[in-house]
Amino acid sequence: MVSLKGKTVYLRALEYEDLDFLYKVENNESIWEISSTLTPYSKFILKQYLEQSHRDIYEVKQLRLAICSQKDELIGFVDFYDFDPSHQRVGVGVLIADEKNRAKGYGAEVLKMVTTYCFNHLGLHQIYATITEDNVASIRLFENQGFVKTGVKKDWIKSGKAFKNELLYQLINVH
């Protein structure tokens, strides 16, 4: 049985009530670099996004789930992107929005749930993530969950006037 409920957090579909949190996250310029965002999002556009968020991952090739604490507080999102059912793979990104909620084990629990969901429910062969080489916390998180660095994209992300390398991490389902 697939479970998207852990001991400290659970994953759920997006709700209309998530609009203000989504607006705050999507317009946080400090994370635009990792999401390749260049301009702010309006609430109107985000409302439209929420209205379409029910669409099937097989149709739109992506999925965003809300990360909630056991106290029902929305603390972040997990994104599935570049879903490829033919090659049985998906990219994954985890965002714990507020620094006060980071380094508490939530990300590790989310990745465990995601791994179970992807391998057991979606029948995927692999999950991957791309992480800038200076994001030490994310590198540690993914490595601690068994992801292996398999590649480096040199000068891949423009950051100010410089460029950063982006690392490719993969987790292959061997079962």
N, C-alpha and C. Protein backbone atom coordinates (compact mmCIF):
# COMPACT_ATOMS: atom_id res chain seq x y z
N MET A 1 0.84 -1.19 0.00
CA MET A 1 0.00 0.00 0.00
C MET A 1 0.88 1.25 0.00
N VAL A 2 0.48 2.23 -0.80
CA VAL A 2 1.21 3.48 -0.89
C VAL A 2 0.72 4.42 0.20
N SER A 3 1.66 5.04 0.88
CA SER A 3 1.27 5.99 1.92
C SER A 3 2.00 7.30 1.69
N LEU A 4 1.24 8.37 1.70
CA LEU A 4 1.83 9.70 1.62
C LEU A 4 1.73 10.39 2.98
N LYS A 5 1.68 9.57 4.02
CA LYS A 5 1.60 10.08 5.39
C LYS A 5 2.77 9.51 6.18
N GLY A 6 3.57 10.39 6.75
CA GLY A 6 4.70 9.97 7.55
C GLY A 6 4.45 10.24 9.02
N LYS A 7 5.51 10.16 9.80
CA LYS A 7 5.39 10.40 11.25
C LYS A 7 5.28 11.88 11.58
N THR A 8 5.99 12.71 10.81
CA THR A 8 6.00 14.14 11.13
C THR A 8 5.37 15.01 10.05
N VAL A 9 5.27 14.50 8.82
CA VAL A 9 4.67 15.25 7.72
C VAL A 9 3.84 14.32 6.85
N TYR A 10 2.98 14.94 6.06
CA TYR A 10 2.23 14.18 5.06
C TYR A 10 2.15 15.00 3.78
N LEU A 11 1.87 14.33 2.68
CA LEU A 11 1.74 14.98 1.38
C LEU A 11 0.28 14.94 0.96
N ARG A 12 -0.17 16.04 0.35
CA ARG A 12 -1.56 16.10 -0.11
C ARG A 12 -1.63 16.91 -1.40
N ALA A 13 -2.75 16.78 -2.09
CA ALA A 13 -3.00 17.58 -3.28
C ALA A 13 -3.11 19.05 -2.90
N LEU A 14 -2.86 19.91 -3.87
CA LEU A 14 -2.99 21.34 -3.65
C LEU A 14 -4.46 21.71 -3.48
N GLU A 15 -4.70 22.71 -2.65
CA GLU A 15 -6.04 23.21 -2.39
C GLU A 15 -6.09 24.70 -2.69
N TYR A 16 -7.28 25.21 -2.93
CA TYR A 16 -7.44 26.64 -3.18
C TYR A 16 -6.90 27.47 -2.02
N GLU A 17 -7.02 26.95 -0.81
CA GLU A 17 -6.56 27.67 0.39
C GLU A 17 -5.04 27.84 0.41
N ASP A 18 -4.32 27.16 -0.46
CA ASP A 18 -2.86 27.26 -0.53
C ASP A 18 -2.39 28.48 -1.31
N LEU A 19 -3.32 29.25 -1.86
CA LEU A 19 -2.97 30.36 -2.75
C LEU A 19 -1.99 31.34 -2.12
N ASP A 20 -2.24 31.82 -0.92
CA ASP A 20 -1.35 32.81 -0.31
C ASP A 20 0.05 32.26 -0.07
N PHE A 21 0.13 31.01 0.39
CA PHE A 21 1.43 30.37 0.61
C PHE A 21 2.16 30.20 -0.73
N LEU A 22 1.44 29.74 -1.74
CA LEU A 22 2.01 29.55 -3.08
C LEU A 22 2.51 30.88 -3.63
N TYR A 23 1.73 31.93 -3.45
CA TYR A 23 2.10 33.26 -3.91
C TYR A 23 3.41 33.71 -3.24
N LYS A 24 3.51 33.49 -1.94
CA LYS A 24 4.72 33.86 -1.19
C LYS A 24 5.93 33.07 -1.69
N VAL A 25 5.78 31.77 -1.89
CA VAL A 25 6.88 30.93 -2.34
C VAL A 25 7.30 31.28 -3.76
N GLU A 26 6.35 31.36 -4.67
CA GLU A 26 6.69 31.61 -6.08
C GLU A 26 7.28 33.00 -6.31
N ASN A 27 7.01 33.93 -5.42
CA ASN A 27 7.53 35.29 -5.57
C ASN A 27 8.72 35.57 -4.65
N ASN A 28 9.28 34.52 -4.07
CA ASN A 28 10.48 34.64 -3.25
C ASN A 28 11.70 34.62 -4.18
N GLU A 29 12.27 35.78 -4.42
CA GLU A 29 13.37 35.88 -5.38
C GLU A 29 14.58 35.04 -5.01
N SER A 30 14.74 34.70 -3.74
CA SER A 30 15.91 33.92 -3.33
C SER A 30 15.86 32.49 -3.87
N ILE A 31 14.70 32.01 -4.31
CA ILE A 31 14.64 30.66 -4.88
C ILE A 31 14.39 30.65 -6.39
N TRP A 32 14.33 31.83 -6.98
CA TRP A 32 14.11 31.89 -8.43
C TRP A 32 15.21 31.18 -9.20
N GLU A 33 16.41 31.23 -8.69
CA GLU A 33 17.54 30.60 -9.37
C GLU A 33 17.30 29.11 -9.60
N ILE A 34 16.76 28.42 -8.62
CA ILE A 34 16.57 26.97 -8.76
C ILE A 34 15.32 26.62 -9.55
N SER A 35 14.41 27.58 -9.68
CA SER A 35 13.18 27.29 -10.44
C SER A 35 13.18 27.93 -11.82
N SER A 36 14.29 28.55 -12.18
CA SER A 36 14.43 29.23 -13.48
C SER A 36 13.34 30.28 -13.69
N THR A 37 12.97 30.96 -12.62
CA THR A 37 11.96 32.01 -12.69
C THR A 37 12.66 33.36 -12.87
N LEU A 38 12.09 34.19 -13.71
CA LEU A 38 12.67 35.51 -13.96
C LEU A 38 11.74 36.65 -13.58
N THR A 39 10.44 36.36 -13.45
CA THR A 39 9.48 37.41 -13.14
C THR A 39 8.50 36.93 -12.07
N PRO A 40 7.88 37.87 -11.37
CA PRO A 40 6.90 37.48 -10.34
C PRO A 40 5.65 36.87 -10.96
N TYR A 41 4.93 36.11 -10.12
CA TYR A 41 3.65 35.53 -10.52
C TYR A 41 2.53 36.33 -9.87
N SER A 42 1.47 36.57 -10.63
CA SER A 42 0.29 37.23 -10.06
C SER A 42 -0.59 36.20 -9.37
N LYS A 43 -1.43 36.68 -8.46
CA LYS A 43 -2.38 35.77 -7.82
C LYS A 43 -3.35 35.20 -8.85
N PHE A 44 -3.68 35.98 -9.86
CA PHE A 44 -4.58 35.50 -10.91
C PHE A 44 -3.99 34.27 -11.60
N ILE A 45 -2.73 34.36 -11.99
CA ILE A 45 -2.06 33.23 -12.67
C ILE A 45 -1.98 32.03 -11.74
N LEU A 46 -1.67 32.27 -10.47
CA LEU A 46 -1.56 31.17 -9.52
C LEU A 46 -2.93 30.54 -9.23
N LYS A 47 -3.99 31.33 -9.24
CA LYS A 47 -5.35 30.77 -9.12
C LYS A 47 -5.63 29.82 -10.28
N GLN A 48 -5.26 30.25 -11.48
CA GLN A 48 -5.45 29.39 -12.65
C GLN A 48 -4.64 28.10 -12.52
N TYR A 49 -3.43 28.23 -12.01
CA TYR A 49 -2.59 27.04 -11.79
C TYR A 49 -3.27 26.09 -10.81
N LEU A 50 -3.78 26.62 -9.71
CA LEU A 50 -4.46 25.78 -8.72
C LEU A 50 -5.69 25.10 -9.31
N GLU A 51 -6.40 25.81 -10.18
CA GLU A 51 -7.58 25.23 -10.82
C GLU A 51 -7.22 24.05 -11.72
N GLN A 52 -6.00 24.04 -12.22
CA GLN A 52 -5.55 22.96 -13.12
C GLN A 52 -4.71 21.90 -12.41
N SER A 53 -4.43 22.11 -11.13
CA SER A 53 -3.50 21.22 -10.41
C SER A 53 -4.02 19.81 -10.22
N HIS A 54 -5.28 19.58 -10.49
CA HIS A 54 -5.87 18.24 -10.36
C HIS A 54 -5.53 17.35 -11.55
N ARG A 55 -4.98 17.93 -12.60
CA ARG A 55 -4.73 17.16 -13.83
C ARG A 55 -3.72 16.04 -13.56
N ASP A 56 -3.88 14.96 -14.26
CA ASP A 56 -3.12 13.73 -14.06
C ASP A 56 -1.66 13.89 -14.48
N ILE A 57 -0.76 13.31 -13.70
CA ILE A 57 0.67 13.38 -14.00
C ILE A 57 0.98 12.77 -15.38
N TYR A 58 0.21 11.79 -15.81
CA TYR A 58 0.43 11.19 -17.12
C TYR A 58 0.06 12.15 -18.24
N GLU A 59 -0.83 13.08 -17.96
CA GLU A 59 -1.25 14.06 -18.97
C GLU A 59 -0.30 15.25 -19.04
N VAL A 60 0.04 15.82 -17.87
CA VAL A 60 0.81 17.06 -17.85
C VAL A 60 2.29 16.87 -17.55
N LYS A 61 2.68 15.64 -17.22
CA LYS A 61 4.09 15.26 -17.00
C LYS A 61 4.71 15.93 -15.79
N GLN A 62 3.88 16.43 -14.88
CA GLN A 62 4.37 17.03 -13.65
C GLN A 62 3.29 16.95 -12.59
N LEU A 63 3.73 17.13 -11.34
CA LEU A 63 2.81 17.08 -10.21
C LEU A 63 3.43 17.85 -9.06
N ARG A 64 2.63 18.63 -8.39
CA ARG A 64 3.09 19.31 -7.17
C ARG A 64 2.18 18.87 -6.04
N LEU A 65 2.80 18.46 -4.93
CA LEU A 65 2.05 18.12 -3.72
C LEU A 65 2.48 19.04 -2.59
N ALA A 66 1.54 19.33 -1.70
CA ALA A 66 1.81 20.14 -0.54
C ALA A 66 2.44 19.27 0.55
N ILE A 67 3.43 19.81 1.24
CA ILE A 67 4.02 19.16 2.41
C ILE A 67 3.41 19.82 3.64
N CYS A 68 2.78 19.02 4.47
CA CYS A 68 2.12 19.55 5.67
C CYS A 68 2.65 18.86 6.91
N SER A 69 2.72 19.64 7.99
CA SER A 69 3.08 19.06 9.29
C SER A 69 1.88 18.29 9.82
N GLN A 70 2.10 17.49 10.84
CA GLN A 70 0.98 16.75 11.44
C GLN A 70 -0.02 17.69 12.10
N LYS A 71 0.37 18.96 12.28
CA LYS A 71 -0.56 19.97 12.80
C LYS A 71 -1.30 20.67 11.67
N ASP A 72 -1.22 20.09 10.46
CA ASP A 72 -1.89 20.62 9.25
C ASP A 72 -1.37 21.97 8.79
N GLU A 73 -0.12 22.29 9.16
CA GLU A 73 0.52 23.53 8.68
C GLU A 73 1.22 23.23 7.36
N LEU A 74 0.92 24.01 6.34
CA LEU A 74 1.59 23.89 5.05
C LEU A 74 3.01 24.42 5.21
N ILE A 75 4.02 23.56 4.95
CA ILE A 75 5.41 23.98 5.16
C ILE A 75 6.24 23.97 3.89
N GLY A 76 5.71 23.40 2.81
CA GLY A 76 6.49 23.37 1.57
C GLY A 76 5.80 22.60 0.48
N PHE A 77 6.58 22.30 -0.55
CA PHE A 77 6.06 21.58 -1.71
C PHE A 77 7.08 20.54 -2.15
N VAL A 78 6.57 19.49 -2.75
CA VAL A 78 7.42 18.55 -3.48
C VAL A 78 6.93 18.58 -4.92
N ASP A 79 7.88 18.76 -5.83
CA ASP A 79 7.56 18.83 -7.25
C ASP A 79 8.10 17.61 -7.98
N PHE A 80 7.25 17.03 -8.80
CA PHE A 80 7.65 15.98 -9.73
C PHE A 80 7.64 16.64 -11.10
N TYR A 81 8.74 16.54 -11.83
CA TYR A 81 8.84 17.22 -13.12
C TYR A 81 9.48 16.28 -14.14
N ASP A 82 9.31 16.64 -15.41
CA ASP A 82 9.85 15.85 -16.52
C ASP A 82 9.48 14.37 -16.38
N PHE A 83 8.24 14.11 -15.97
CA PHE A 83 7.77 12.73 -15.84
C PHE A 83 7.80 12.07 -17.21
N ASP A 84 8.46 10.94 -17.30
CA ASP A 84 8.60 10.21 -18.55
C ASP A 84 8.20 8.76 -18.33
N PRO A 85 6.91 8.42 -18.57
CA PRO A 85 6.46 7.05 -18.33
C PRO A 85 7.12 6.03 -19.26
N SER A 86 7.51 6.44 -20.46
CA SER A 86 8.17 5.51 -21.38
C SER A 86 9.50 5.02 -20.82
N HIS A 87 10.25 5.93 -20.25
CA HIS A 87 11.56 5.58 -19.70
C HIS A 87 11.51 5.38 -18.19
N GLN A 88 10.31 5.48 -17.63
CA GLN A 88 10.04 5.19 -16.22
C GLN A 88 10.92 6.02 -15.27
N ARG A 89 10.89 7.35 -15.48
CA ARG A 89 11.69 8.22 -14.62
C ARG A 89 10.95 9.53 -14.38
N VAL A 90 11.37 10.21 -13.30
CA VAL A 90 10.83 11.52 -12.96
C VAL A 90 11.88 12.30 -12.17
N GLY A 91 11.89 13.61 -12.37
CA GLY A 91 12.71 14.48 -11.54
C GLY A 91 11.91 14.88 -10.32
N VAL A 92 12.61 15.14 -9.22
CA VAL A 92 11.93 15.54 -7.99
C VAL A 92 12.68 16.68 -7.33
N GLY A 93 11.91 17.60 -6.76
CA GLY A 93 12.48 18.70 -5.99
C GLY A 93 11.67 18.89 -4.71
N VAL A 94 12.36 19.17 -3.63
CA VAL A 94 11.72 19.36 -2.33
C VAL A 94 12.04 20.76 -1.84
N LEU A 95 10.98 21.48 -1.43
CA LEU A 95 11.18 22.82 -0.88
C LEU A 95 10.48 22.90 0.47
N ILE A 96 11.26 23.12 1.51
CA ILE A 96 10.73 23.48 2.82
C ILE A 96 10.90 24.99 2.88
N ALA A 97 9.79 25.72 2.84
CA ALA A 97 9.82 27.16 2.57
C ALA A 97 10.49 27.99 3.65
N ASP A 98 10.15 27.77 4.89
CA ASP A 98 10.64 28.60 5.98
C ASP A 98 11.85 27.96 6.64
N GLU A 99 12.90 28.73 6.82
CA GLU A 99 14.13 28.19 7.42
C GLU A 99 13.90 27.58 8.79
N LYS A 100 12.91 28.05 9.53
CA LYS A 100 12.63 27.48 10.86
C LYS A 100 12.18 26.03 10.79
N ASN A 101 11.71 25.61 9.61
CA ASN A 101 11.25 24.23 9.44
C ASN A 101 12.30 23.34 8.77
N ARG A 102 13.45 23.89 8.47
CA ARG A 102 14.51 23.11 7.82
C ARG A 102 15.36 22.41 8.88
N ALA A 103 16.08 21.38 8.44
CA ALA A 103 16.99 20.61 9.30
C ALA A 103 16.25 19.95 10.46
N LYS A 104 15.01 19.55 10.21
CA LYS A 104 14.21 18.85 11.23
C LYS A 104 13.83 17.45 10.78
N GLY A 105 14.37 17.02 9.65
CA GLY A 105 14.07 15.68 9.15
C GLY A 105 12.87 15.60 8.23
N TYR A 106 12.21 16.74 7.99
CA TYR A 106 11.03 16.72 7.12
C TYR A 106 11.39 16.32 5.69
N GLY A 107 12.47 16.88 5.18
CA GLY A 107 12.88 16.57 3.80
C GLY A 107 13.18 15.09 3.63
N ALA A 108 13.85 14.50 4.60
CA ALA A 108 14.17 13.07 4.52
C ALA A 108 12.89 12.23 4.52
N GLU A 109 11.96 12.61 5.36
CA GLU A 109 10.70 11.87 5.40
C GLU A 109 9.93 12.03 4.09
N VAL A 110 9.95 13.23 3.53
CA VAL A 110 9.30 13.47 2.24
C VAL A 110 9.93 12.60 1.16
N LEU A 111 11.26 12.56 1.11
CA LEU A 111 11.92 11.76 0.08
C LEU A 111 11.61 10.26 0.23
N LYS A 112 11.49 9.78 1.44
CA LYS A 112 11.10 8.38 1.65
C LYS A 112 9.71 8.12 1.10
N MET A 113 8.78 9.02 1.37
CA MET A 113 7.41 8.87 0.84
C MET A 113 7.40 8.95 -0.68
N VAL A 114 8.16 9.91 -1.22
CA VAL A 114 8.24 10.09 -2.67
C VAL A 114 8.81 8.85 -3.34
N THR A 115 9.86 8.30 -2.75
CA THR A 115 10.48 7.10 -3.30
C THR A 115 9.47 5.94 -3.34
N THR A 116 8.78 5.74 -2.25
CA THR A 116 7.76 4.69 -2.19
C THR A 116 6.68 4.94 -3.24
N TYR A 117 6.19 6.16 -3.32
CA TYR A 117 5.15 6.52 -4.27
C TYR A 117 5.61 6.27 -5.71
N CYS A 118 6.81 6.75 -6.04
CA CYS A 118 7.30 6.62 -7.42
C CYS A 118 7.57 5.17 -7.81
N PHE A 119 8.22 4.43 -6.94
CA PHE A 119 8.59 3.06 -7.28
C PHE A 119 7.41 2.10 -7.17
N ASN A 120 6.59 2.24 -6.14
CA ASN A 120 5.51 1.27 -5.93
C ASN A 120 4.21 1.65 -6.63
N HIS A 121 3.88 2.93 -6.66
CA HIS A 121 2.60 3.34 -7.24
C HIS A 121 2.72 3.67 -8.73
N LEU A 122 3.74 4.47 -9.07
CA LEU A 122 3.91 4.86 -10.47
C LEU A 122 4.71 3.84 -11.27
N GLY A 123 5.33 2.89 -10.58
CA GLY A 123 6.10 1.85 -11.26
C GLY A 123 7.33 2.36 -11.98
N LEU A 124 7.97 3.38 -11.42
CA LEU A 124 9.14 3.98 -12.08
C LEU A 124 10.41 3.19 -11.81
N HIS A 125 11.36 3.38 -12.70
CA HIS A 125 12.67 2.75 -12.58
C HIS A 125 13.66 3.66 -11.86
N GLN A 126 13.48 4.98 -12.03
CA GLN A 126 14.41 5.89 -11.38
C GLN A 126 13.80 7.25 -11.09
N ILE A 127 14.39 7.90 -10.08
CA ILE A 127 14.06 9.25 -9.68
C ILE A 127 15.37 10.04 -9.75
N TYR A 128 15.30 11.27 -10.22
CA TYR A 128 16.52 12.06 -10.26
C TYR A 128 16.27 13.46 -9.73
N ALA A 129 17.35 14.13 -9.40
CA ALA A 129 17.29 15.51 -8.93
C ALA A 129 18.50 16.25 -9.46
N THR A 130 18.32 17.53 -9.73
CA THR A 130 19.44 18.38 -10.10
C THR A 130 19.60 19.43 -8.99
N ILE A 131 20.84 19.59 -8.53
CA ILE A 131 21.12 20.44 -7.38
C ILE A 131 22.37 21.26 -7.67
N THR A 132 22.32 22.56 -7.41
CA THR A 132 23.54 23.36 -7.60
C THR A 132 24.59 22.92 -6.58
N GLU A 133 25.85 22.97 -7.00
CA GLU A 133 26.92 22.43 -6.18
C GLU A 133 27.11 23.16 -4.85
N ASP A 134 26.57 24.37 -4.72
CA ASP A 134 26.70 25.10 -3.46
C ASP A 134 25.54 24.83 -2.49
N ASN A 135 24.56 24.02 -2.90
CA ASN A 135 23.42 23.71 -2.04
C ASN A 135 23.74 22.46 -1.20
N VAL A 136 24.58 22.67 -0.22
CA VAL A 136 25.12 21.58 0.60
C VAL A 136 24.01 20.83 1.34
N ALA A 137 23.02 21.55 1.84
CA ALA A 137 21.93 20.89 2.58
C ALA A 137 21.16 19.93 1.69
N SER A 138 20.85 20.35 0.46
CA SER A 138 20.12 19.46 -0.46
C SER A 138 20.98 18.28 -0.90
N ILE A 139 22.24 18.52 -1.14
CA ILE A 139 23.15 17.43 -1.52
C ILE A 139 23.17 16.37 -0.41
N ARG A 140 23.32 16.83 0.81
CA ARG A 140 23.34 15.91 1.97
C ARG A 140 22.01 15.16 2.08
N LEU A 141 20.90 15.88 1.93
CA LEU A 141 19.58 15.26 2.01
C LEU A 141 19.43 14.13 0.99
N PHE A 142 19.74 14.40 -0.25
CA PHE A 142 19.55 13.39 -1.30
C PHE A 142 20.55 12.24 -1.14
N GLU A 143 21.80 12.55 -0.81
CA GLU A 143 22.78 11.48 -0.61
C GLU A 143 22.39 10.58 0.56
N ASN A 144 21.87 11.18 1.63
CA ASN A 144 21.44 10.38 2.79
C ASN A 144 20.25 9.47 2.47
N GLN A 145 19.54 9.77 1.41
CA GLN A 145 18.41 8.94 1.00
C GLN A 145 18.78 7.97 -0.13
N GLY A 146 20.09 7.83 -0.38
CA GLY A 146 20.55 6.84 -1.34
C GLY A 146 20.76 7.34 -2.75
N PHE A 147 20.50 8.62 -3.02
CA PHE A 147 20.74 9.17 -4.36
C PHE A 147 22.25 9.25 -4.58
N VAL A 148 22.67 8.98 -5.81
CA VAL A 148 24.08 8.95 -6.16
C VAL A 148 24.36 10.03 -7.21
N LYS A 149 25.43 10.79 -6.99
CA LYS A 149 25.82 11.80 -7.98
C LYS A 149 26.36 11.08 -9.21
N THR A 150 25.74 11.36 -10.36
CA THR A 150 26.14 10.67 -11.59
C THR A 150 26.63 11.63 -12.67
N GLY A 151 26.55 12.93 -12.41
CA GLY A 151 27.00 13.85 -13.44
C GLY A 151 27.10 15.28 -12.96
N VAL A 152 27.79 16.09 -13.75
CA VAL A 152 27.95 17.51 -13.47
C VAL A 152 27.68 18.27 -14.75
N LYS A 153 26.78 19.24 -14.68
CA LYS A 153 26.54 20.15 -15.81
C LYS A 153 27.32 21.42 -15.50
N LYS A 154 28.39 21.64 -16.23
CA LYS A 154 29.30 22.76 -15.98
C LYS A 154 28.66 24.09 -16.35
N ASP A 155 28.85 25.09 -15.47
CA ASP A 155 28.35 26.45 -15.72
C ASP A 155 26.89 26.45 -16.17
N TRP A 156 26.05 25.68 -15.54
CA TRP A 156 24.68 25.43 -15.99
C TRP A 156 23.70 26.50 -15.53
N ILE A 157 23.91 27.05 -14.34
CA ILE A 157 22.98 28.00 -13.75
C ILE A 157 23.66 29.36 -13.62
N LYS A 158 23.07 30.38 -14.25
CA LYS A 158 23.60 31.73 -14.12
C LYS A 158 23.13 32.30 -12.79
N SER A 159 24.08 32.77 -12.02
CA SER A 159 23.80 33.32 -10.69
C SER A 159 24.50 34.66 -10.58
N GLY A 160 23.73 35.73 -10.73
CA GLY A 160 24.35 37.05 -10.76
C GLY A 160 25.19 37.18 -12.02
N LYS A 161 26.47 37.46 -11.84
CA LYS A 161 27.37 37.58 -12.99
C LYS A 161 28.20 36.32 -13.20
N ALA A 162 28.01 35.34 -12.33
CA ALA A 162 28.79 34.10 -12.41
C ALA A 162 27.89 32.94 -12.82
N PHE A 163 28.50 31.79 -13.00
CA PHE A 163 27.78 30.57 -13.31
C PHE A 163 28.09 29.50 -12.27
N LYS A 164 27.11 28.65 -12.03
CA LYS A 164 27.26 27.55 -11.08
C LYS A 164 27.12 26.23 -11.81
N ASN A 165 27.84 25.24 -11.29
CA ASN A 165 27.66 23.88 -11.79
C ASN A 165 26.40 23.29 -11.16
N GLU A 166 25.71 22.45 -11.92
CA GLU A 166 24.55 21.74 -11.41
C GLU A 166 24.87 20.25 -11.40
N LEU A 167 24.60 19.60 -10.27
CA LEU A 167 24.90 18.18 -10.10
C LEU A 167 23.66 17.35 -10.38
N LEU A 168 23.86 16.21 -11.01
CA LEU A 168 22.77 15.27 -11.28
C LEU A 168 22.86 14.12 -10.30
N TYR A 169 21.77 13.90 -9.58
CA TYR A 169 21.67 12.78 -8.63
C TYR A 169 20.58 11.84 -9.10
N GLN A 170 20.84 10.53 -9.01
CA GLN A 170 19.86 9.53 -9.41
C GLN A 170 19.68 8.47 -8.32
N LEU A 171 18.47 7.96 -8.24
CA LEU A 171 18.15 6.83 -7.41
C LEU A 171 17.47 5.82 -8.32
N ILE A 172 18.12 4.68 -8.52
CA ILE A 172 17.64 3.63 -9.41
C ILE A 172 16.94 2.56 -8.58
N ASN A 173 15.76 2.18 -9.01
CA ASN A 173 15.01 1.11 -8.34
C ASN A 173 15.59 -0.23 -8.79
N VAL A 174 16.21 -0.96 -7.87
CA VAL A 174 16.86 -2.22 -8.22
C VAL A 174 15.97 -3.43 -7.96
N HIS A 175 14.74 -3.22 -7.55
CA HIS A 175 13.85 -4.33 -7.26
C HIS A 175 13.07 -4.77 -8.46
